[in-house]
Amino acid sequence: MDGRPPAGARGRSGLVLQDPDSQVIMARVGDDVAFGAENLGVPRDEIWRRVAEALEAVRLDLPPDHPTSELSGGQKQRLALAGVLAMRPGLILLDEPTANLDPEGVVEVRDAVARVAERTGATLVVIEHRVAVWSSIVDRVVVLEPGGGVVADGSVAQVLGRRGAELAAGGVWVPGFEPDVSARTTPASGPVLLRTEELAIARVAERVLRTGIEVGLGAGEALAVTGPNGAGKSTLGLTLAGLLPPVAGHALAEPELADGAGPEPIRWKSRQLLTRIGTVFQDPEHQFIAATVRDELAVGLRALKLPVTEVAQRTEELLERLRLTRLAGANPFTLSGGEKRRLSVATVLATRPRILVLDEPTFGQDALTWRELVILLSGLLDEGRALVAVTHDTEFVGALATREVRFAAWEHAPGRLEVVR
């Protein structure tokens, strides 16, 4: 960074990776935040003062002994940032640091970073697809093209102003000039596929997150599940998908969806789930099992024992539709965060389930791939499929959702689920 050997520059830079899971090291929140500072030889009393300040700065309101294994994706993102802030680096590098955060959390994290950078004089580099939230605190914007070249480099006003408009008119993606996607207006009129009765959910039975949940999902409907980090949104999605057992109450499939498999998705076999409910996890790597992208797309199709020609046809269609053709021979674990997300969506689409449960489906997408994904999902809804989307993306909710349910923050209203529309 400044010409010194690596040992001399140690601790001068702090990096928050795109995947927060890859930065969780310790079993407890406080220990994880302290890890970097400990390795820098910061005195013990100073370390714990920094840990408390960093947790407060990123608004991760948990005790230091809270297990990191029980954090949501958004909470892990805050944790990773807190660990970097506790090191007091001269260079702060952030790779999509707000992708999994609720709207209030986005502002809180941005403000925390801005305060630290201003107080310490640190240089800040932020890698982002949507720059509006950062435009007030950065001095320079660099726009890269897929091949790695620079298409724009200048002040915020230059790149997001006239020059940005010129580039966008020429077909180049520039932040702030995203293509429009109209809100979906097709009314949902199909039969009910899935419903809950007095449902209570939890990742572990000892910590019930929500109780008394009553929701239904019909063919052609897109249900958005929103709310702050750690409120139980992903847990609800996994329970509706038949991957987590209810703590109490029921998640029930109507005959239209069950088609002879029985009323409780949690009791279905994996092959029965393939064509009925498909799930995209918050961390896409949790569902990759093949050595290449093409083989990954074919896993579910082969499990259904479809003809080889149909497997090949569906695979090639999805590779093309989700811009993955050039990556067909690549190992799924070597893809970028946005490419992994598109692949995880494609693997679910391959088996054409009646219901899709998607956890943060637009994570890591630029404006063009975001738009293509929304159009693709809208087409599936028009075919009579149904969608449950756990998301913080308000634009996605506005463009696609026919209904929204919102969890209140746990500490303010345990168990509360508000039907917004």
Protein backbone atom coordinates (compact mmCIF):
# COMPACT_ATOMS: atom_id res chain seq x y z
CA MET A 1 0.00 0.00 0.00
CA ASP A 2 2.81 2.43 0.89
CA GLY A 3 5.94 0.61 -0.28
CA ARG A 4 6.58 -1.19 3.00
CA PRO A 5 7.07 -5.00 3.08
CA PRO A 6 3.95 -7.06 3.99
CA ALA A 7 4.97 -7.35 7.65
CA GLY A 8 5.32 -3.58 7.92
CA ALA A 9 1.91 -2.97 6.36
CA ARG A 10 0.21 -5.58 8.55
CA GLY A 11 -3.05 -4.29 9.96
CA ARG A 12 -3.09 -1.21 7.77
CA SER A 13 -5.96 -2.52 5.65
CA GLY A 14 -9.30 -4.08 6.60
CA LEU A 15 -11.42 -6.09 4.16
CA VAL A 16 -15.10 -7.03 4.41
CA LEU A 17 -15.70 -9.83 1.91
CA GLN A 18 -18.79 -10.28 -0.24
CA ASP A 19 -19.69 -13.48 1.65
CA PRO A 20 -19.82 -12.64 5.38
CA ASP A 21 -19.85 -16.36 6.29
CA SER A 22 -16.26 -16.62 5.10
CA GLN A 23 -15.15 -14.11 7.74
CA VAL A 24 -16.80 -15.62 10.81
CA ILE A 25 -13.93 -17.21 12.75
CA MET A 26 -14.82 -17.44 16.42
CA ALA A 27 -17.75 -19.06 18.24
CA ARG A 28 -18.82 -15.89 20.09
CA VAL A 29 -19.61 -12.42 18.79
CA GLY A 30 -17.19 -10.53 21.04
CA ASP A 31 -14.30 -12.89 20.35
CA ASP A 32 -14.88 -12.60 16.61
CA VAL A 33 -14.74 -8.80 16.66
CA ALA A 34 -11.63 -8.93 18.86
CA PHE A 35 -9.77 -11.39 16.62
CA GLY A 36 -8.10 -8.88 14.30
CA ALA A 37 -7.12 -6.48 17.05
CA GLU A 38 -5.65 -9.35 19.09
CA ASN A 39 -3.48 -10.38 16.16
CA LEU A 40 -2.21 -6.81 15.92
CA GLY A 41 -1.06 -6.92 19.54
CA VAL A 42 -3.50 -4.29 20.80
CA PRO A 43 -3.51 -4.20 24.65
CA ARG A 44 -6.29 -6.29 26.19
CA ASP A 45 -8.20 -3.43 27.83
CA GLU A 46 -8.06 -1.43 24.59
CA ILE A 47 -9.31 -4.42 22.57
CA TRP A 48 -12.52 -4.76 24.55
CA ARG A 49 -13.14 -1.03 24.46
CA ARG A 50 -12.82 -1.20 20.67
CA VAL A 51 -15.09 -4.26 20.50
CA ALA A 52 -17.86 -2.43 22.37
CA GLU A 53 -17.46 0.67 20.18
CA ALA A 54 -17.47 -1.35 16.95
CA LEU A 55 -20.58 -3.36 17.88
CA GLU A 56 -22.37 -0.15 18.77
CA ALA A 57 -21.23 1.54 15.55
CA VAL A 58 -22.72 -1.18 13.34
CA ARG A 59 -25.81 -1.54 15.59
CA LEU A 60 -25.25 -5.22 16.32
CA ASP A 61 -27.15 -5.19 19.62
CA LEU A 62 -26.08 -8.58 20.97
CA PRO A 63 -24.07 -9.58 24.06
CA PRO A 64 -20.39 -10.47 23.45
CA ASP A 65 -21.04 -14.13 24.35
CA HIS A 66 -23.85 -14.54 21.76
CA PRO A 67 -23.10 -17.54 19.47
CA THR A 68 -22.04 -16.55 15.95
CA SER A 69 -23.74 -19.73 14.68
CA GLU A 70 -27.12 -18.17 15.51
CA LEU A 71 -26.63 -14.98 13.47
CA SER A 72 -28.64 -14.17 10.35
CA GLY A 73 -26.88 -13.24 7.11
CA GLY A 74 -27.34 -9.54 7.77
CA GLN A 75 -26.04 -9.86 11.32
CA LYS A 76 -22.94 -11.67 10.04
CA GLN A 77 -22.38 -8.77 7.65
CA ARG A 78 -22.48 -6.31 10.56
CA LEU A 79 -20.16 -8.61 12.54
CA ALA A 80 -17.56 -8.68 9.76
CA LEU A 81 -17.63 -4.90 9.50
CA ALA A 82 -17.29 -4.53 13.28
CA GLY A 83 -14.17 -6.71 13.21
CA VAL A 84 -12.60 -4.45 10.59
CA LEU A 85 -13.54 -1.25 12.43
CA ALA A 86 -12.01 -2.58 15.65
CA MET A 87 -8.64 -2.90 13.87
CA ARG A 88 -8.64 0.86 13.03
CA PRO A 89 -7.08 0.29 9.56
CA GLY A 90 -5.78 3.02 7.29
CA LEU A 91 -7.56 1.44 4.30
CA ILE A 92 -11.12 0.08 4.52
CA LEU A 93 -12.18 -2.20 1.63
CA LEU A 94 -15.87 -3.16 1.49
CA ASP A 95 -17.31 -5.64 -1.03
CA GLU A 96 -21.09 -5.10 -1.19
CA PRO A 97 -21.25 -4.40 2.55
CA THR A 98 -25.00 -3.70 2.68
CA ALA A 99 -26.32 -6.44 0.38
CA ASN A 100 -28.02 -8.47 3.13
CA LEU A 101 -29.08 -5.59 5.37
CA ASP A 102 -32.54 -4.20 6.01
CA PRO A 103 -33.10 -0.59 4.82
CA GLU A 104 -32.44 0.91 8.26
CA GLY A 105 -29.32 -1.23 8.60
CA VAL A 106 -27.99 0.06 5.27
CA VAL A 107 -28.08 3.63 6.55
CA GLU A 108 -26.65 2.65 9.94
CA VAL A 109 -23.71 0.78 8.41
CA ARG A 110 -22.98 3.52 5.89
CA ASP A 111 -22.98 6.14 8.65
CA ALA A 112 -20.76 3.97 10.86
CA VAL A 113 -18.22 3.57 8.07
CA ALA A 114 -18.33 7.29 7.31
CA ARG A 115 -17.74 8.18 10.96
CA VAL A 116 -14.75 5.84 11.28
CA ALA A 117 -13.22 7.04 8.00
CA GLU A 118 -13.62 10.68 9.01
CA ARG A 119 -12.29 10.15 12.54
CA THR A 120 -9.25 8.09 11.51
CA GLY A 121 -8.53 9.56 8.08
CA ALA A 122 -8.78 6.09 6.52
CA THR A 123 -9.12 5.63 2.79
CA LEU A 124 -12.43 4.00 1.85
CA VAL A 125 -13.02 1.75 -1.18
CA VAL A 126 -16.56 0.40 -1.67
CA ILE A 127 -17.50 -2.19 -4.32
CA GLU A 128 -21.21 -1.79 -5.05
CA HIS A 129 -23.87 -2.21 -7.74
CA ARG A 130 -26.22 0.41 -6.39
CA VAL A 131 -24.30 3.48 -5.36
CA ALA A 132 -27.01 5.92 -4.30
CA VAL A 133 -26.54 5.12 -0.62
CA TRP A 134 -22.78 5.86 -0.83
CA SER A 135 -22.80 8.80 -3.24
CA SER A 136 -22.86 11.38 -0.44
CA ILE A 137 -19.65 10.13 1.21
CA VAL A 138 -17.40 9.05 -1.71
CA ASP A 139 -15.26 11.39 -3.81
CA ARG A 140 -14.72 9.24 -6.88
CA VAL A 141 -16.63 6.64 -8.88
CA VAL A 142 -15.01 4.00 -11.13
CA VAL A 143 -17.27 1.90 -13.40
CA LEU A 144 -15.85 -1.40 -14.71
CA GLU A 145 -17.10 -3.43 -17.67
CA PRO A 146 -17.36 -7.25 -17.60
CA GLY A 147 -14.03 -7.67 -19.41
CA GLY A 148 -12.25 -5.72 -16.70
CA GLY A 149 -11.81 -2.40 -18.51
CA VAL A 150 -12.68 0.98 -17.06
CA VAL A 151 -15.61 2.71 -18.78
CA ALA A 152 -15.89 5.70 -16.45
CA ASP A 153 -13.67 7.26 -13.80
CA GLY A 154 -14.32 10.61 -12.19
CA SER A 155 -16.17 12.53 -9.53
CA VAL A 156 -19.64 11.50 -8.40
CA ALA A 157 -21.15 14.41 -10.33
CA GLN A 158 -19.26 13.50 -13.52
CA VAL A 159 -19.98 9.77 -13.59
CA LEU A 160 -23.55 9.97 -12.31
CA GLY A 161 -24.33 13.08 -14.34
CA ARG A 162 -24.05 13.86 -18.04
CA ARG A 163 -21.26 11.34 -18.72
CA GLY A 164 -23.32 8.58 -17.10
CA ALA A 165 -26.33 9.47 -19.24
CA GLU A 166 -24.20 9.30 -22.39
CA LEU A 167 -22.81 5.88 -21.46
CA ALA A 168 -26.26 4.53 -20.53
CA ALA A 169 -27.64 5.74 -23.87
CA GLY A 170 -24.91 3.69 -25.55
CA GLY A 171 -25.97 0.52 -23.73
CA VAL A 172 -23.35 0.61 -20.96
CA TRP A 173 -24.57 0.01 -17.43
CA VAL A 174 -23.87 2.95 -15.16
CA PRO A 175 -25.17 3.20 -11.58
CA GLY A 176 -28.05 5.63 -11.31
CA PHE A 177 -29.26 4.84 -14.86
CA GLU A 178 -30.85 1.46 -14.21
CA PRO A 179 -33.49 0.22 -16.68
CA ASP A 180 -37.08 0.51 -15.47
CA VAL A 181 -39.20 -2.50 -14.59
CA SER A 182 -42.89 -1.78 -14.20
CA ALA A 183 -44.70 -3.12 -11.16
CA ARG A 184 -46.57 -6.35 -11.83
CA THR A 185 -50.29 -5.72 -12.06
CA THR A 186 -51.60 -9.18 -13.04
CA PRO A 187 -54.09 -10.14 -10.29
CA ALA A 188 -53.58 -13.45 -8.52
CA SER A 189 -56.59 -15.63 -9.25
CA GLY A 190 -55.33 -19.18 -8.96
CA PRO A 191 -56.14 -21.76 -6.29
CA VAL A 192 -54.45 -21.73 -2.88
CA LEU A 193 -51.35 -23.93 -2.90
CA LEU A 194 -49.91 -23.52 0.59
CA ARG A 195 -51.19 -22.16 3.91
CA THR A 196 -50.28 -22.06 7.58
CA GLU A 197 -52.33 -22.65 10.73
CA GLU A 198 -51.11 -21.06 13.99
CA LEU A 199 -47.55 -21.67 12.82
CA ALA A 200 -44.64 -21.20 15.23
CA ILE A 201 -41.11 -21.19 13.80
CA ALA A 202 -37.56 -21.60 15.13
CA ARG A 203 -34.09 -22.65 13.94
CA VAL A 204 -33.64 -24.46 17.25
CA ALA A 205 -36.59 -25.45 19.40
CA GLU A 206 -35.20 -23.61 22.44
CA ARG A 207 -35.49 -20.22 20.71
CA VAL A 208 -38.92 -19.71 19.16
CA LEU A 209 -38.80 -16.75 16.79
CA ARG A 210 -42.47 -16.26 15.84
CA THR A 211 -45.82 -17.72 16.79
CA GLY A 212 -49.37 -17.67 15.45
CA ILE A 213 -48.40 -17.11 11.80
CA GLU A 214 -51.36 -17.28 9.41
CA VAL A 215 -50.51 -16.83 5.72
CA GLY A 216 -51.68 -18.37 2.48
CA LEU A 217 -50.13 -18.55 -0.98
CA GLY A 218 -52.07 -18.95 -4.20
CA ALA A 219 -51.02 -19.79 -7.75
CA GLY A 220 -49.72 -16.66 -9.50
CA GLU A 221 -48.95 -14.87 -6.21
CA ALA A 222 -45.64 -13.38 -5.14
CA LEU A 223 -45.41 -13.08 -1.37
CA ALA A 224 -42.61 -10.81 -0.10
CA VAL A 225 -41.39 -11.42 3.45
CA THR A 226 -39.63 -8.33 4.79
CA GLY A 227 -38.34 -6.98 8.10
CA PRO A 228 -35.12 -6.32 10.00
CA ASN A 229 -32.16 -8.68 10.23
CA GLY A 230 -32.59 -11.53 12.71
CA ALA A 231 -36.38 -11.22 12.78
CA GLY A 232 -37.05 -14.75 11.48
CA LYS A 233 -37.67 -14.16 7.76
CA SER A 234 -35.34 -16.88 6.48
CA THR A 235 -36.65 -19.29 9.12
CA LEU A 236 -40.20 -18.73 7.87
CA GLY A 237 -39.07 -19.33 4.29
CA LEU A 238 -37.36 -22.61 5.17
CA THR A 239 -40.40 -23.75 7.16
CA LEU A 240 -42.79 -23.00 4.29
CA ALA A 241 -40.40 -24.86 1.98
CA GLY A 242 -40.62 -28.07 4.03
CA LEU A 243 -36.98 -27.86 5.18
CA LEU A 244 -37.54 -26.89 8.82
CA PRO A 245 -40.20 -28.50 11.05
CA PRO A 246 -42.78 -26.21 12.67
CA VAL A 247 -42.34 -25.78 16.44
CA ALA A 248 -46.14 -25.66 16.69
CA GLY A 249 -49.04 -25.38 14.28
CA HIS A 250 -48.83 -26.44 10.64
CA ALA A 251 -47.58 -25.55 7.18
CA LEU A 252 -50.02 -27.34 4.87
CA ALA A 253 -50.05 -28.03 1.14
CA GLU A 254 -53.44 -28.05 -0.55
CA PRO A 255 -54.25 -30.98 -2.89
CA GLU A 256 -53.45 -28.78 -5.92
CA LEU A 257 -49.81 -28.65 -4.75
CA ALA A 258 -49.48 -31.91 -2.82
CA ASP A 259 -50.69 -34.03 -5.76
CA GLY A 260 -50.76 -37.21 -3.67
CA ALA A 261 -47.65 -36.47 -1.59
CA GLY A 262 -49.55 -35.72 1.62
CA PRO A 263 -50.50 -32.42 3.27
CA GLU A 264 -47.24 -31.65 5.15
CA PRO A 265 -44.21 -30.58 3.07
CA ILE A 266 -41.85 -31.35 5.97
CA ARG A 267 -42.70 -35.04 5.46
CA TRP A 268 -42.06 -35.06 1.72
CA LYS A 269 -39.06 -36.84 0.23
CA SER A 270 -36.51 -34.79 -1.69
CA ARG A 271 -37.78 -36.01 -5.07
CA GLN A 272 -41.30 -34.97 -4.11
CA LEU A 273 -40.08 -31.49 -3.21
CA LEU A 274 -38.23 -31.06 -6.52
CA THR A 275 -41.36 -30.42 -8.60
CA ARG A 276 -43.48 -28.90 -5.83
CA ILE A 277 -41.34 -26.45 -3.79
CA GLY A 278 -37.89 -25.26 -4.82
CA THR A 279 -35.67 -23.31 -2.42
CA VAL A 280 -32.84 -20.85 -2.99
CA PHE A 281 -30.84 -20.45 0.22
CA GLN A 282 -29.47 -17.16 1.51
CA ASP A 283 -25.97 -18.57 0.99
CA PRO A 284 -25.94 -20.10 -2.52
CA GLU A 285 -22.89 -22.26 -1.78
CA HIS A 286 -24.98 -24.32 0.62
CA GLN A 287 -26.74 -25.96 -2.32
CA PHE A 288 -23.87 -26.63 -4.74
CA ILE A 289 -22.82 -30.27 -5.12
CA ALA A 290 -21.49 -30.66 -8.70
CA ALA A 291 -18.09 -29.90 -10.22
CA THR A 292 -19.32 -27.66 -13.05
CA VAL A 293 -22.09 -25.13 -13.57
CA ARG A 294 -23.69 -27.26 -16.30
CA ASP A 295 -23.70 -30.37 -14.09
CA GLU A 296 -25.11 -28.35 -11.20
CA LEU A 297 -28.12 -27.39 -13.31
CA ALA A 298 -28.64 -31.03 -14.27
CA VAL A 299 -28.60 -32.51 -10.74
CA GLY A 300 -32.33 -32.13 -10.06
CA LEU A 301 -33.30 -33.08 -13.60
CA ARG A 302 -31.34 -36.32 -13.40
CA ALA A 303 -32.91 -37.10 -10.03
CA LEU A 304 -36.29 -36.90 -11.77
CA LYS A 305 -34.97 -39.40 -14.36
CA LEU A 306 -35.85 -37.14 -17.28
CA PRO A 307 -34.65 -38.08 -20.79
CA VAL A 308 -31.09 -36.98 -21.59
CA THR A 309 -32.32 -34.73 -24.40
CA GLU A 310 -34.72 -32.88 -22.10
CA VAL A 311 -32.02 -32.47 -19.45
CA ALA A 312 -29.71 -30.92 -22.04
CA GLN A 313 -32.43 -28.65 -23.42
CA ARG A 314 -33.50 -27.25 -20.04
CA THR A 315 -29.88 -26.79 -18.98
CA GLU A 316 -28.89 -24.83 -22.08
CA GLU A 317 -32.01 -22.66 -21.86
CA LEU A 318 -31.21 -21.64 -18.29
CA LEU A 319 -27.53 -21.06 -19.02
CA GLU A 320 -28.54 -18.65 -21.77
CA ARG A 321 -31.39 -16.98 -19.89
CA LEU A 322 -29.35 -16.24 -16.77
CA ARG A 323 -26.12 -15.30 -18.60
CA LEU A 324 -24.15 -18.30 -17.43
CA THR A 325 -23.23 -19.89 -20.78
CA ARG A 326 -19.60 -18.73 -20.70
CA LEU A 327 -19.30 -20.25 -17.22
CA ALA A 328 -20.84 -23.64 -18.05
CA GLY A 329 -17.58 -25.52 -17.47
CA ALA A 330 -16.52 -23.57 -14.38
CA ASN A 331 -16.62 -24.87 -10.83
CA PRO A 332 -19.62 -23.26 -9.07
CA PHE A 333 -17.48 -22.31 -6.07
CA THR A 334 -15.19 -20.16 -8.25
CA LEU A 335 -17.99 -17.84 -9.44
CA SER A 336 -18.54 -14.32 -8.19
CA GLY A 337 -21.22 -13.71 -5.57
CA GLY A 338 -23.72 -12.48 -8.16
CA GLU A 339 -23.01 -15.39 -10.50
CA LYS A 340 -23.45 -17.88 -7.66
CA ARG A 341 -26.81 -16.30 -6.88
CA ARG A 342 -28.00 -16.64 -10.50
CA LEU A 343 -26.81 -20.26 -10.60
CA SER A 344 -28.66 -21.10 -7.37
CA VAL A 345 -31.85 -19.61 -8.83
CA ALA A 346 -31.32 -21.53 -12.08
CA THR A 347 -30.90 -24.87 -10.29
CA VAL A 348 -34.33 -24.41 -8.72
CA LEU A 349 -35.96 -23.25 -11.95
CA ALA A 350 -34.65 -26.34 -13.76
CA THR A 351 -37.16 -28.71 -12.14
CA ARG A 352 -40.08 -26.27 -12.63
CA PRO A 353 -41.62 -26.42 -9.14
CA ARG A 354 -45.06 -24.93 -8.45
CA ILE A 355 -43.65 -22.77 -5.62
CA LEU A 356 -40.28 -21.05 -5.40
CA VAL A 357 -38.92 -19.92 -2.02
CA LEU A 358 -36.11 -17.43 -2.64
CA ASP A 359 -33.93 -15.95 0.11
CA GLU A 360 -32.42 -12.62 -1.05
CA PRO A 361 -32.80 -13.50 -4.77
CA THR A 362 -31.32 -10.22 -6.06
CA PHE A 363 -28.15 -10.26 -3.94
CA GLY A 364 -25.07 -9.30 -5.96
CA GLN A 365 -26.89 -8.44 -9.19
CA ASP A 366 -26.15 -5.43 -11.35
CA ALA A 367 -29.07 -3.52 -12.84
CA LEU A 368 -29.24 -5.55 -16.06
CA THR A 369 -29.20 -9.01 -14.45
CA TRP A 370 -31.58 -7.72 -11.76
CA ARG A 371 -34.04 -6.69 -14.45
CA GLU A 372 -33.72 -10.00 -16.32
CA LEU A 373 -34.32 -11.95 -13.10
CA VAL A 374 -37.45 -9.93 -12.29
CA ILE A 375 -38.82 -10.42 -15.81
CA LEU A 376 -38.09 -14.16 -15.64
CA LEU A 377 -39.86 -14.55 -12.28
CA SER A 378 -42.78 -12.45 -13.49
CA GLY A 379 -43.20 -14.83 -16.41
CA LEU A 380 -43.30 -17.80 -14.02
CA LEU A 381 -46.04 -16.10 -12.00
CA ASP A 382 -48.04 -15.57 -15.19
CA GLU A 383 -47.77 -19.34 -15.78
CA GLY A 384 -49.50 -19.95 -12.42
CA ARG A 385 -46.45 -20.64 -10.27
CA ALA A 386 -46.11 -18.98 -6.86
CA LEU A 387 -43.22 -17.22 -5.19
CA VAL A 388 -42.10 -16.53 -1.63
CA ALA A 389 -39.27 -13.98 -1.54
CA VAL A 390 -37.38 -13.14 1.64
CA THR A 391 -35.84 -9.80 0.76
CA HIS A 392 -34.62 -6.37 1.78
CA ASP A 393 -34.80 -5.15 -1.83
CA THR A 394 -37.65 -2.63 -1.85
CA GLU A 395 -37.42 -2.20 -5.62
CA PHE A 396 -37.86 -5.96 -6.08
CA VAL A 397 -40.90 -5.90 -3.77
CA GLY A 398 -42.41 -3.00 -5.71
CA ALA A 399 -41.83 -4.63 -9.09
CA LEU A 400 -43.00 -8.16 -8.34
CA ALA A 401 -44.85 -8.69 -5.06
CA THR A 402 -48.61 -9.09 -5.03
CA ARG A 403 -48.56 -9.25 -1.21
CA GLU A 404 -46.09 -8.28 1.49
CA VAL A 405 -45.83 -9.46 5.09
CA ARG A 406 -43.41 -7.73 7.40
CA PHE A 407 -41.84 -8.91 10.62
CA ALA A 408 -41.38 -6.33 13.33
CA ALA A 409 -38.04 -6.26 15.14
CA TRP A 410 -37.99 -9.09 17.68
CA GLU A 411 -37.13 -6.87 20.64
CA HIS A 412 -40.03 -4.53 19.83
CA ALA A 413 -42.79 -7.01 19.03
CA PRO A 414 -41.96 -10.71 19.46
CA GLY A 415 -44.15 -12.89 17.28
CA ARG A 416 -45.72 -10.02 15.37
CA LEU A 417 -46.30 -10.42 11.64
CA GLU A 418 -47.90 -7.50 9.82
CA VAL A 419 -49.71 -7.93 6.52
CA VAL A 420 -48.70 -4.81 4.60
CA ARG A 421 -50.70 -5.42 1.43
